[in-house]
Amino acid sequence: PVADLAAAVDLSADWLRRLFAAEAGLPLGRYEMTLRLQT
């Protein structure tokens, strides 16, 4: 869950989503879907 991912890096879920999109270049959900399609 996003909440668990956020807690692991001491961020709120909303802040993680914003930071992830800014750093990675796409939303967290699309990154997760990419991993599924690669598998």
PDB file of all heavy atoms in Angstrom:
ATOM      1  N   PRO A   1       0.825  -1.210   0.000  1.00  0.00           N
ATOM      2  CA  PRO A   1       0.000   0.000   0.000  1.00  0.00           C
ATOM      3  C   PRO A   1       0.859   1.259   0.000  1.00  0.00           C
ATOM      4  O   PRO A   1       1.983   1.265   0.517  1.00  0.00           O
ATOM      5  CB  PRO A   1      -0.793  -0.125   1.307  1.00  0.00           C
ATOM      6  CG  PRO A   1      -0.743  -1.571   1.668  1.00  0.00           C
ATOM      7  CD  PRO A   1       0.576  -2.068   1.169  1.00  0.00           C
ATOM      8  N   VAL A   2       0.318   2.330  -0.579  1.00  0.00           N
ATOM      9  CA  VAL A   2       1.050   3.597  -0.625  1.00  0.00           C
ATOM     10  C   VAL A   2       1.398   4.069   0.781  1.00  0.00           C
ATOM     11  O   VAL A   2       2.487   4.607   1.014  1.00  0.00           O
ATOM     12  CB  VAL A   2       0.222   4.662  -1.368  1.00  0.00           C
ATOM     13  CG1 VAL A   2       0.928   6.015  -1.327  1.00  0.00           C
ATOM     14  CG2 VAL A   2      -0.008   4.245  -2.806  1.00  0.00           C
ATOM     15  N   ALA A   3       0.511   3.841   1.728  1.00  0.00           N
ATOM     16  CA  ALA A   3       0.775   4.278   3.101  1.00  0.00           C
ATOM     17  C   ALA A   3       2.024   3.601   3.664  1.00  0.00           C
ATOM     18  O   ALA A   3       2.820   4.240   4.368  1.00  0.00           O
ATOM     19  CB  ALA A   3      -0.433   3.973   3.985  1.00  0.00           C
ATOM     20  N   ASP A   4       2.215   2.330   3.359  1.00  0.00           N
ATOM     21  CA  ASP A   4       3.407   1.616   3.839  1.00  0.00           C
ATOM     22  C   ASP A   4       4.665   2.135   3.158  1.00  0.00           C
ATOM     23  O   ASP A   4       5.714   2.287   3.795  1.00  0.00           O
ATOM     24  CB  ASP A   4       3.259   0.116   3.582  1.00  0.00           C
ATOM     25  CG  ASP A   4       2.192  -0.529   4.451  1.00  0.00           C
ATOM     26  OD1 ASP A   4       1.629   0.173   5.321  1.00  0.00           O
ATOM     27  OD2 ASP A   4       1.909  -1.727   4.249  1.00  0.00           O
ATOM     28  N   LEU A   5       4.581   2.405   1.862  1.00  0.00           N
ATOM     29  CA  LEU A   5       5.730   2.955   1.147  1.00  0.00           C
ATOM     30  C   LEU A   5       6.109   4.320   1.702  1.00  0.00           C
ATOM     31  O   LEU A   5       7.295   4.630   1.883  1.00  0.00           O
ATOM     32  CB  LEU A   5       5.408   3.080  -0.346  1.00  0.00           C
ATOM     33  CG  LEU A   5       5.190   1.773  -1.103  1.00  0.00           C
ATOM     34  CD1 LEU A   5       4.619   2.059  -2.494  1.00  0.00           C
ATOM     35  CD2 LEU A   5       6.494   0.995  -1.225  1.00  0.00           C
ATOM     36  N   ALA A   6       5.093   5.140   1.988  1.00  0.00           N
ATOM     37  CA  ALA A   6       5.345   6.480   2.521  1.00  0.00           C
ATOM     38  C   ALA A   6       5.962   6.411   3.909  1.00  0.00           C
ATOM     39  O   ALA A   6       6.908   7.146   4.228  1.00  0.00           O
ATOM     40  CB  ALA A   6       4.046   7.277   2.543  1.00  0.00           C
ATOM     41  N   ALA A   7       5.442   5.528   4.755  1.00  0.00           N
ATOM     42  CA  ALA A   7       5.961   5.409   6.119  1.00  0.00           C
ATOM     43  C   ALA A   7       7.426   4.977   6.123  1.00  0.00           C
ATOM     44  O   ALA A   7       8.204   5.396   6.985  1.00  0.00           O
ATOM     45  CB  ALA A   7       5.115   4.407   6.905  1.00  0.00           C
ATOM     46  N   ALA A   8       7.827   4.182   5.136  1.00  0.00           N
ATOM     47  CA  ALA A   8       9.205   3.697   5.084  1.00  0.00           C
ATOM     48  C   ALA A   8      10.206   4.809   4.843  1.00  0.00           C
ATOM     49  O   ALA A   8      11.393   4.672   5.171  1.00  0.00           O
ATOM     50  CB  ALA A   8       9.333   2.641   3.987  1.00  0.00           C
ATOM     51  N   VAL A   9       9.735   5.936   4.278  1.00  0.00           N
ATOM     52  CA  VAL A   9      10.638   7.066   4.014  1.00  0.00           C
ATOM     53  C   VAL A   9      10.192   8.319   4.770  1.00  0.00           C
ATOM     54  O   VAL A   9      10.562   9.441   4.424  1.00  0.00           O
ATOM     55  CB  VAL A   9      10.726   7.353   2.502  1.00  0.00           C
ATOM     56  CG1 VAL A   9      11.470   6.230   1.792  1.00  0.00           C
ATOM     57  CG2 VAL A   9       9.351   7.559   1.884  1.00  0.00           C
ATOM     58  N   ASP A  10       9.367   8.122   5.822  1.00  0.00           N
ATOM     59  CA  ASP A  10       8.931   9.207   6.716  1.00  0.00           C
ATOM     60  C   ASP A  10       8.208  10.324   5.970  1.00  0.00           C
ATOM     61  O   ASP A  10       8.452  11.522   6.200  1.00  0.00           O
ATOM     62  CB  ASP A  10      10.121   9.788   7.487  1.00  0.00           C
ATOM     63  CG  ASP A  10      10.772   8.775   8.406  1.00  0.00           C
ATOM     64  OD1 ASP A  10      10.025   7.980   9.019  1.00  0.00           O
ATOM     65  OD2 ASP A  10      12.013   8.744   8.504  1.00  0.00           O
ATOM     66  N   LEU A  11       7.313   9.950   5.083  1.00  0.00           N
ATOM     67  CA  LEU A  11       6.492  10.916   4.372  1.00  0.00           C
ATOM     68  C   LEU A  11       5.028  10.538   4.517  1.00  0.00           C
ATOM     69  O   LEU A  11       4.699   9.380   4.790  1.00  0.00           O
ATOM     70  CB  LEU A  11       6.852  10.943   2.876  1.00  0.00           C
ATOM     71  CG  LEU A  11       8.249  11.429   2.482  1.00  0.00           C
ATOM     72  CD1 LEU A  11       8.457  11.223   0.986  1.00  0.00           C
ATOM     73  CD2 LEU A  11       8.435  12.911   2.829  1.00  0.00           C
ATOM     74  N   SER A  12       4.143  11.510   4.329  1.00  0.00           N
ATOM     75  CA  SER A  12       2.725  11.180   4.231  1.00  0.00           C
ATOM     76  C   SER A  12       2.462  10.608   2.842  1.00  0.00           C
ATOM     77  O   SER A  12       3.244  10.806   1.908  1.00  0.00           O
ATOM     78  CB  SER A  12       1.871  12.435   4.433  1.00  0.00           C
ATOM     79  OG  SER A  12       2.023  13.328   3.351  1.00  0.00           O
ATOM     80  N   ALA A  13       1.339   9.922   2.700  1.00  0.00           N
ATOM     81  CA  ALA A  13       1.010   9.328   1.407  1.00  0.00           C
ATOM     82  C   ALA A  13       0.852  10.403   0.337  1.00  0.00           C
ATOM     83  O   ALA A  13       1.338  10.240  -0.796  1.00  0.00           O
ATOM     84  CB  ALA A  13      -0.267   8.496   1.523  1.00  0.00           C
ATOM     85  N   ASP A  14       0.195  11.509   0.681  1.00  0.00           N
ATOM     86  CA  ASP A  14      -0.005  12.577  -0.300  1.00  0.00           C
ATOM     87  C   ASP A  14       1.325  13.200  -0.709  1.00  0.00           C
ATOM     88  O   ASP A  14       1.552  13.484  -1.888  1.00  0.00           O
ATOM     89  CB  ASP A  14      -0.936  13.648   0.255  1.00  0.00           C
ATOM     90  CG  ASP A  14      -2.381  13.197   0.332  1.00  0.00           C
ATOM     91  OD1 ASP A  14      -2.714  12.186  -0.328  1.00  0.00           O
ATOM     92  OD2 ASP A  14      -3.173  13.826   1.045  1.00  0.00           O
ATOM     93  N   TRP A  15       2.212  13.418   0.266  1.00  0.00           N
ATOM     94  CA  TRP A  15       3.489  14.032  -0.052  1.00  0.00           C
ATOM     95  C   TRP A  15       4.354  13.085  -0.891  1.00  0.00           C
ATOM     96  O   TRP A  15       5.059  13.517  -1.801  1.00  0.00           O
ATOM     97  CB  TRP A  15       4.216  14.456   1.207  1.00  0.00           C
ATOM     98  CG  TRP A  15       5.501  15.179   0.924  1.00  0.00           C
ATOM     99  CD1 TRP A  15       6.763  14.760   1.176  1.00  0.00           C
ATOM    100  CD2 TRP A  15       5.632  16.452   0.287  1.00  0.00           C
ATOM    101  NE1 TRP A  15       7.682  15.683   0.748  1.00  0.00           N
ATOM    102  CE2 TRP A  15       7.014  16.740   0.198  1.00  0.00           C
ATOM    103  CE3 TRP A  15       4.712  17.385  -0.219  1.00  0.00           C
ATOM    104  CZ2 TRP A  15       7.499  17.908  -0.380  1.00  0.00           C
ATOM    105  CZ3 TRP A  15       5.194  18.551  -0.794  1.00  0.00           C
ATOM    106  CH2 TRP A  15       6.569  18.800  -0.859  1.00  0.00           C
ATOM    107  N   LEU A  16       4.271  11.799  -0.603  1.00  0.00           N
ATOM    108  CA  LEU A  16       5.011  10.835  -1.409  1.00  0.00           C
ATOM    109  C   LEU A  16       4.529  10.877  -2.843  1.00  0.00           C
ATOM    110  O   LEU A  16       5.350  10.861  -3.784  1.00  0.00           O
ATOM    111  CB  LEU A  16       4.853   9.425  -0.854  1.00  0.00           C
ATOM    112  CG  LEU A  16       5.444   8.304  -1.735  1.00  0.00           C
ATOM    113  CD1 LEU A  16       6.942   8.499  -1.932  1.00  0.00           C
ATOM    114  CD2 LEU A  16       5.141   6.933  -1.145  1.00  0.00           C
ATOM    115  N   ARG A  17       3.226  10.919  -3.064  1.00  0.00           N
ATOM    116  CA  ARG A  17       2.708  10.971  -4.431  1.00  0.00           C
ATOM    117  C   ARG A  17       3.228  12.203  -5.163  1.00  0.00           C
ATOM    118  O   ARG A  17       3.628  12.124  -6.334  1.00  0.00           O
ATOM    119  CB  ARG A  17       1.180  10.972  -4.416  1.00  0.00           C
ATOM    120  CG  ARG A  17       0.543   9.645  -3.998  1.00  0.00           C
ATOM    121  CD  ARG A  17      -0.957   9.686  -4.232  1.00  0.00           C
ATOM    122  NE  ARG A  17      -1.600   8.445  -3.846  1.00  0.00           N
ATOM    123  CZ  ARG A  17      -2.177   8.249  -2.662  1.00  0.00           C
ATOM    124  NH1 ARG A  17      -2.173   9.219  -1.737  1.00  0.00           N
ATOM    125  NH2 ARG A  17      -2.752   7.085  -2.382  1.00  0.00           N
ATOM    126  N   ARG A  18       3.231  13.359  -4.493  1.00  0.00           N
ATOM    127  CA  ARG A  18       3.708  14.578  -5.138  1.00  0.00           C
ATOM    128  C   ARG A  18       5.205  14.495  -5.436  1.00  0.00           C
ATOM    129  O   ARG A  18       5.657  14.845  -6.530  1.00  0.00           O
ATOM    130  CB  ARG A  18       3.409  15.796  -4.258  1.00  0.00           C
ATOM    131  CG  ARG A  18       1.939  16.168  -4.188  1.00  0.00           C
ATOM    132  CD  ARG A  18       1.756  17.549  -3.617  1.00  0.00           C
ATOM    133  NE  ARG A  18       2.127  17.608  -2.207  1.00  0.00           N
ATOM    134  CZ  ARG A  18       1.296  17.389  -1.193  1.00  0.00           C
ATOM    135  NH1 ARG A  18       0.031  17.081  -1.445  1.00  0.00           N
ATOM    136  NH2 ARG A  18       1.715  17.466   0.052  1.00  0.00           N
ATOM    137  N   LEU A  19       5.982  14.029  -4.458  1.00  0.00           N
ATOM    138  CA  LEU A  19       7.426  13.952  -4.644  1.00  0.00           C
ATOM    139  C   LEU A  19       7.780  12.919  -5.708  1.00  0.00           C
ATOM    140  O   LEU A  19       8.683  13.146  -6.532  1.00  0.00           O
ATOM    141  CB  LEU A  19       8.104  13.606  -3.316  1.00  0.00           C
ATOM    142  CG  LEU A  19       9.639  13.526  -3.343  1.00  0.00           C
ATOM    143  CD1 LEU A  19      10.235  14.876  -3.713  1.00  0.00           C
ATOM    144  CD2 LEU A  19      10.180  13.052  -1.994  1.00  0.00           C
ATOM    145  N   PHE A  20       7.077  11.805  -5.707  1.00  0.00           N
ATOM    146  CA  PHE A  20       7.352  10.757  -6.687  1.00  0.00           C
ATOM    147  C   PHE A  20       7.121  11.280  -8.103  1.00  0.00           C
ATOM    148  O   PHE A  20       7.960  11.079  -9.001  1.00  0.00           O
ATOM    149  CB  PHE A  20       6.471   9.537  -6.427  1.00  0.00           C
ATOM    150  CG  PHE A  20       6.889   8.313  -7.187  1.00  0.00           C
ATOM    151  CD1 PHE A  20       7.634   7.325  -6.570  1.00  0.00           C
ATOM    152  CD2 PHE A  20       6.545   8.141  -8.524  1.00  0.00           C
ATOM    153  CE1 PHE A  20       8.038   6.189  -7.266  1.00  0.00           C
ATOM    154  CE2 PHE A  20       6.944   7.021  -9.227  1.00  0.00           C
ATOM    155  CZ  PHE A  20       7.693   6.043  -8.600  1.00  0.00           C
ATOM    156  N   ALA A  21       5.995  11.954  -8.328  1.00  0.00           N
ATOM    157  CA  ALA A  21       5.696  12.468  -9.666  1.00  0.00           C
ATOM    158  C   ALA A  21       6.741  13.484 -10.115  1.00  0.00           C
ATOM    159  O   ALA A  21       7.169  13.478 -11.279  1.00  0.00           O
ATOM    160  CB  ALA A  21       4.305  13.088  -9.683  1.00  0.00           C
ATOM    161  N   ALA A  22       7.177  14.352  -9.186  1.00  0.00           N
ATOM    162  CA  ALA A  22       8.166  15.371  -9.533  1.00  0.00           C
ATOM    163  C   ALA A  22       9.524  14.751  -9.842  1.00  0.00           C
ATOM    164  O   ALA A  22      10.221  15.171 -10.768  1.00  0.00           O
ATOM    165  CB  ALA A  22       8.291  16.380  -8.392  1.00  0.00           C
ATOM    166  N   GLU A  23       9.915  13.739  -9.080  1.00  0.00           N
ATOM    167  CA  GLU A  23      11.242  13.140  -9.240  1.00  0.00           C
ATOM    168  C   GLU A  23      11.279  12.102 -10.355  1.00  0.00           C
ATOM    169  O   GLU A  23      12.218  12.075 -11.156  1.00  0.00           O
ATOM    170  CB  GLU A  23      11.666  12.484  -7.920  1.00  0.00           C
ATOM    171  CG  GLU A  23      12.096  13.460  -6.852  1.00  0.00           C
ATOM    172  CD  GLU A  23      13.449  14.074  -7.165  1.00  0.00           C
ATOM    173  OE1 GLU A  23      14.375  13.325  -7.492  1.00  0.00           O
ATOM    174  OE2 GLU A  23      13.565  15.315  -7.085  1.00  0.00           O
ATOM    175  N   ALA A  24      10.286  11.234 -10.396  1.00  0.00           N
ATOM    176  CA  ALA A  24      10.305  10.110 -11.333  1.00  0.00           C
ATOM    177  C   ALA A  24       9.798  10.483 -12.714  1.00  0.00           C
ATOM    178  O   ALA A  24      10.083   9.796 -13.698  1.00  0.00           O
ATOM    179  CB  ALA A  24       9.489   8.945 -10.779  1.00  0.00           C
ATOM    180  N   GLY A  25       9.013  11.557 -12.807  1.00  0.00           N
ATOM    181  CA  GLY A  25       8.509  11.982 -14.105  1.00  0.00           C
ATOM    182  C   GLY A  25       7.167  11.404 -14.486  1.00  0.00           C
ATOM    183  O   GLY A  25       6.683  11.618 -15.596  1.00  0.00           O
ATOM    184  N   LEU A  26       6.522  10.676 -13.571  1.00  0.00           N
ATOM    185  CA  LEU A  26       5.185  10.146 -13.805  1.00  0.00           C
ATOM    186  C   LEU A  26       4.578   9.772 -12.449  1.00  0.00           C
ATOM    187  O   LEU A  26       5.308   9.615 -11.465  1.00  0.00           O
ATOM    188  CB  LEU A  26       5.214   8.939 -14.728  1.00  0.00           C
ATOM    189  CG  LEU A  26       5.565   7.560 -14.166  1.00  0.00           C
ATOM    190  CD1 LEU A  26       5.259   6.481 -15.190  1.00  0.00           C
ATOM    191  CD2 LEU A  26       7.002   7.484 -13.731  1.00  0.00           C
ATOM    192  N   PRO A  27       3.249   9.640 -12.364  1.00  0.00           N
ATOM    193  CA  PRO A  27       2.620   9.285 -11.091  1.00  0.00           C
ATOM    194  C   PRO A  27       3.052   7.915 -10.587  1.00  0.00           C
ATOM    195  O   PRO A  27       3.392   7.021 -11.366  1.00  0.00           O
ATOM    196  CB  PRO A  27       1.121   9.305 -11.419  1.00  0.00           C
ATOM    197  CG  PRO A  27       1.002  10.173 -12.611  1.00  0.00           C
ATOM    198  CD  PRO A  27       2.246   9.954 -13.408  1.00  0.00           C
ATOM    199  N   LEU A  28       2.985   7.750  -9.280  1.00  0.00           N
ATOM    200  CA  LEU A  28       3.385   6.503  -8.639  1.00  0.00           C
ATOM    201  C   LEU A  28       2.571   5.319  -9.170  1.00  0.00           C
ATOM    202  O   LEU A  28       3.112   4.231  -9.395  1.00  0.00           O
ATOM    203  CB  LEU A  28       3.239   6.640  -7.133  1.00  0.00           C
ATOM    204  CG  LEU A  28       3.772   5.502  -6.251  1.00  0.00           C
ATOM    205  CD1 LEU A  28       4.253   6.064  -4.915  1.00  0.00           C
ATOM    206  CD2 LEU A  28       2.715   4.452  -5.989  1.00  0.00           C
ATOM    207  N   GLY A  29       1.274   5.519  -9.391  1.00  0.00           N
ATOM    208  CA  GLY A  29       0.432   4.433  -9.875  1.00  0.00           C
ATOM    209  C   GLY A  29       0.849   3.936 -11.249  1.00  0.00           C
ATOM    210  O   GLY A  29       0.788   2.738 -11.539  1.00  0.00           O
ATOM    211  N   ARG A  30       1.286   4.852 -12.117  1.00  0.00           N
ATOM    212  CA  ARG A  30       1.730   4.437 -13.447  1.00  0.00           C
ATOM    213  C   ARG A  30       3.064   3.697 -13.370  1.00  0.00           C
ATOM    214  O   ARG A  30       3.326   2.789 -14.163  1.00  0.00           O
ATOM    215  CB  ARG A  30       1.840   5.651 -14.365  1.00  0.00           C
ATOM    216  CG  ARG A  30       0.503   6.255 -14.748  1.00  0.00           C
ATOM    217  CD  ARG A  30       0.658   7.292 -15.825  1.00  0.00           C
ATOM    218  NE  ARG A  30      -0.602   7.924 -16.152  1.00  0.00           N
ATOM    219  CZ  ARG A  30      -0.744   8.893 -17.059  1.00  0.00           C
ATOM    220  NH1 ARG A  30       0.332   9.303 -17.732  1.00  0.00           N
ATOM    221  NH2 ARG A  30      -1.913   9.420 -17.300  1.00  0.00           N
ATOM    222  N   TYR A  31       3.892   4.087 -12.426  1.00  0.00           N
ATOM    223  CA  TYR A  31       5.154   3.363 -12.243  1.00  0.00           C
ATOM    224  C   TYR A  31       4.871   1.931 -11.798  1.00  0.00           C
ATOM    225  O   TYR A  31       5.475   0.979 -12.293  1.00  0.00           O
ATOM    226  CB  TYR A  31       6.009   4.084 -11.201  1.00  0.00           C
ATOM    227  CG  TYR A  31       7.404   3.520 -11.056  1.00  0.00           C
ATOM    228  CD1 TYR A  31       8.450   3.994 -11.835  1.00  0.00           C
ATOM    229  CD2 TYR A  31       7.679   2.509 -10.137  1.00  0.00           C
ATOM    230  CE1 TYR A  31       9.734   3.481 -11.706  1.00  0.00           C
ATOM    231  CE2 TYR A  31       8.956   1.984 -10.010  1.00  0.00           C
ATOM    232  CZ  TYR A  31       9.976   2.479 -10.790  1.00  0.00           C
ATOM    233  OH  TYR A  31      11.242   1.963 -10.662  1.00  0.00           O
ATOM    234  N   GLU A  32       3.934   1.795 -10.878  1.00  0.00           N
ATOM    235  CA  GLU A  32       3.582   0.458 -10.387  1.00  0.00           C
ATOM    236  C   GLU A  32       3.004  -0.394 -11.514  1.00  0.00           C
ATOM    237  O   GLU A  32       3.306  -1.590 -11.631  1.00  0.00           O
ATOM    238  CB  GLU A  32       2.577   0.591  -9.239  1.00  0.00           C
ATOM    239  CG  GLU A  32       2.307  -0.695  -8.477  1.00  0.00           C
ATOM    240  CD  GLU A  32       1.114  -1.460  -9.020  1.00  0.00           C
ATOM    241  OE1 GLU A  32       0.327  -0.871  -9.795  1.00  0.00           O
ATOM    242  OE2 GLU A  32       0.974  -2.644  -8.675  1.00  0.00           O
ATOM    243  N   MET A  33       2.194   0.211 -12.397  1.00  0.00           N
ATOM    244  CA  MET A  33       1.643  -0.529 -13.524  1.00  0.00           C
ATOM    245  C   MET A  33       2.745  -0.950 -14.492  1.00  0.00           C
ATOM    246  O   MET A  33       2.708  -2.054 -15.061  1.00  0.00           O
ATOM    247  CB  MET A  33       0.600   0.316 -14.255  1.00  0.00           C
ATOM    248  CG  MET A  33      -0.076  -0.390 -15.422  1.00  0.00           C
ATOM    249  SD  MET A  33      -0.862  -1.969 -14.966  1.00  0.00           S
ATOM    250  CE  MET A  33      -2.124  -1.378 -13.832  1.00  0.00           C
ATOM    251  N   THR A  34       3.756  -0.108 -14.658  1.00  0.00           N
ATOM    252  CA  THR A  34       4.892  -0.462 -15.500  1.00  0.00           C
ATOM    253  C   THR A  34       5.571  -1.722 -14.975  1.00  0.00           C
ATOM    254  O   THR A  34       5.935  -2.619 -15.749  1.00  0.00           O
ATOM    255  CB  THR A  34       5.905   0.693 -15.559  1.00  0.00           C
ATOM    256  OG1 THR A  34       5.288   1.829 -16.169  1.00  0.00           O
ATOM    257  CG2 THR A  34       7.137   0.305 -16.362  1.00  0.00           C
ATOM    258  N   LEU A  35       5.755  -1.813 -13.658  1.00  0.00           N
ATOM    259  CA  LEU A  35       6.383  -2.988 -13.073  1.00  0.00           C
ATOM    260  C   LEU A  35       5.556  -4.243 -13.343  1.00  0.00           C
ATOM    261  O   LEU A  35       6.101  -5.306 -13.647  1.00  0.00           O
ATOM    262  CB  LEU A  35       6.556  -2.798 -11.565  1.00  0.00           C
ATOM    263  CG  LEU A  35       7.541  -1.724 -11.119  1.00  0.00           C
ATOM    264  CD1 LEU A  35       7.528  -1.595  -9.592  1.00  0.00           C
ATOM    265  CD2 LEU A  35       8.947  -2.025 -11.607  1.00  0.00           C
ATOM    266  N   ARG A  36       4.242  -4.126 -13.261  1.00  0.00           N
ATOM    267  CA  ARG A  36       3.385  -5.286 -13.531  1.00  0.00           C
ATOM    268  C   ARG A  36       3.501  -5.739 -14.985  1.00  0.00           C
ATOM    269  O   ARG A  36       3.600  -6.942 -15.275  1.00  0.00           O
ATOM    270  CB  ARG A  36       1.927  -4.945 -13.228  1.00  0.00           C
ATOM    271  CG  ARG A  36       1.616  -4.746 -11.757  1.00  0.00           C
ATOM    272  CD  ARG A  36       0.120  -4.696 -11.572  1.00  0.00           C
ATOM    273  NE  ARG A  36      -0.264  -4.301 -10.228  1.00  0.00           N
ATOM    274  CZ  ARG A  36      -1.512  -4.333  -9.776  1.00  0.00           C
ATOM    275  NH1 ARG A  36      -2.480  -4.726 -10.577  1.00  0.00           N
ATOM    276  NH2 ARG A  36      -1.798  -3.964  -8.549  1.00  0.00           N
ATOM    277  N   LEU A  37       3.494  -4.777 -15.912  1.00  0.00           N
ATOM    278  CA  LEU A  37       3.588  -5.127 -17.324  1.00  0.00           C
ATOM    279  C   LEU A  37       4.951  -5.731 -17.654  1.00  0.00           C
ATOM    280  O   LEU A  37       5.058  -6.631 -18.498  1.00  0.00           O
ATOM    281  CB  LEU A  37       3.326  -3.884 -18.185  1.00  0.00           C
ATOM    282  CG  LEU A  37       1.887  -3.368 -18.149  1.00  0.00           C
ATOM    283  CD1 LEU A  37       1.783  -2.022 -18.862  1.00  0.00           C
ATOM    284  CD2 LEU A  37       0.920  -4.371 -18.772  1.00  0.00           C
ATOM    285  N   GLN A  38       6.000  -5.264 -16.997  1.00  0.00           N
ATOM    286  CA  GLN A  38       7.324  -5.859 -17.195  1.00  0.00           C
ATOM    287  C   GLN A  38       7.342  -7.309 -16.731  1.00  0.00           C
ATOM    288  O   GLN A  38       7.924  -8.177 -17.393  1.00  0.00           O
ATOM    289  CB  GLN A  38       8.380  -5.054 -16.438  1.00  0.00           C
ATOM    290  CG  GLN A  38       8.696  -3.712 -17.061  1.00  0.00           C
ATOM    291  CD  GLN A  38       9.677  -2.914 -16.227  1.00  0.00           C
ATOM    292  OE1 GLN A  38       9.896  -3.209 -15.053  1.00  0.00           O
ATOM    293  NE2 GLN A  38      10.255  -1.896 -16.819  1.00  0.00           N
ATOM    294  N   THR A  39       6.714  -7.579 -15.617  1.00  0.00           N
ATOM    295  CA  THR A  39       6.640  -8.953 -15.128  1.00  0.00           C
ATOM    296  C   THR A  39       5.884  -9.830 -16.117  1.00  0.00           C
ATOM    297  O   THR A  39       6.289 -10.965 -16.404  1.00  0.00           O
ATOM    298  CB  THR A  39       5.955  -8.993 -13.748  1.00  0.00           C
ATOM    299  OG1 THR A  39       6.708  -8.208 -12.824  1.00  0.00           O
ATOM    300  CG2 THR A  39       5.855 -10.419 -13.229  1.00  0.00           C
TER     301      THR A  39
END
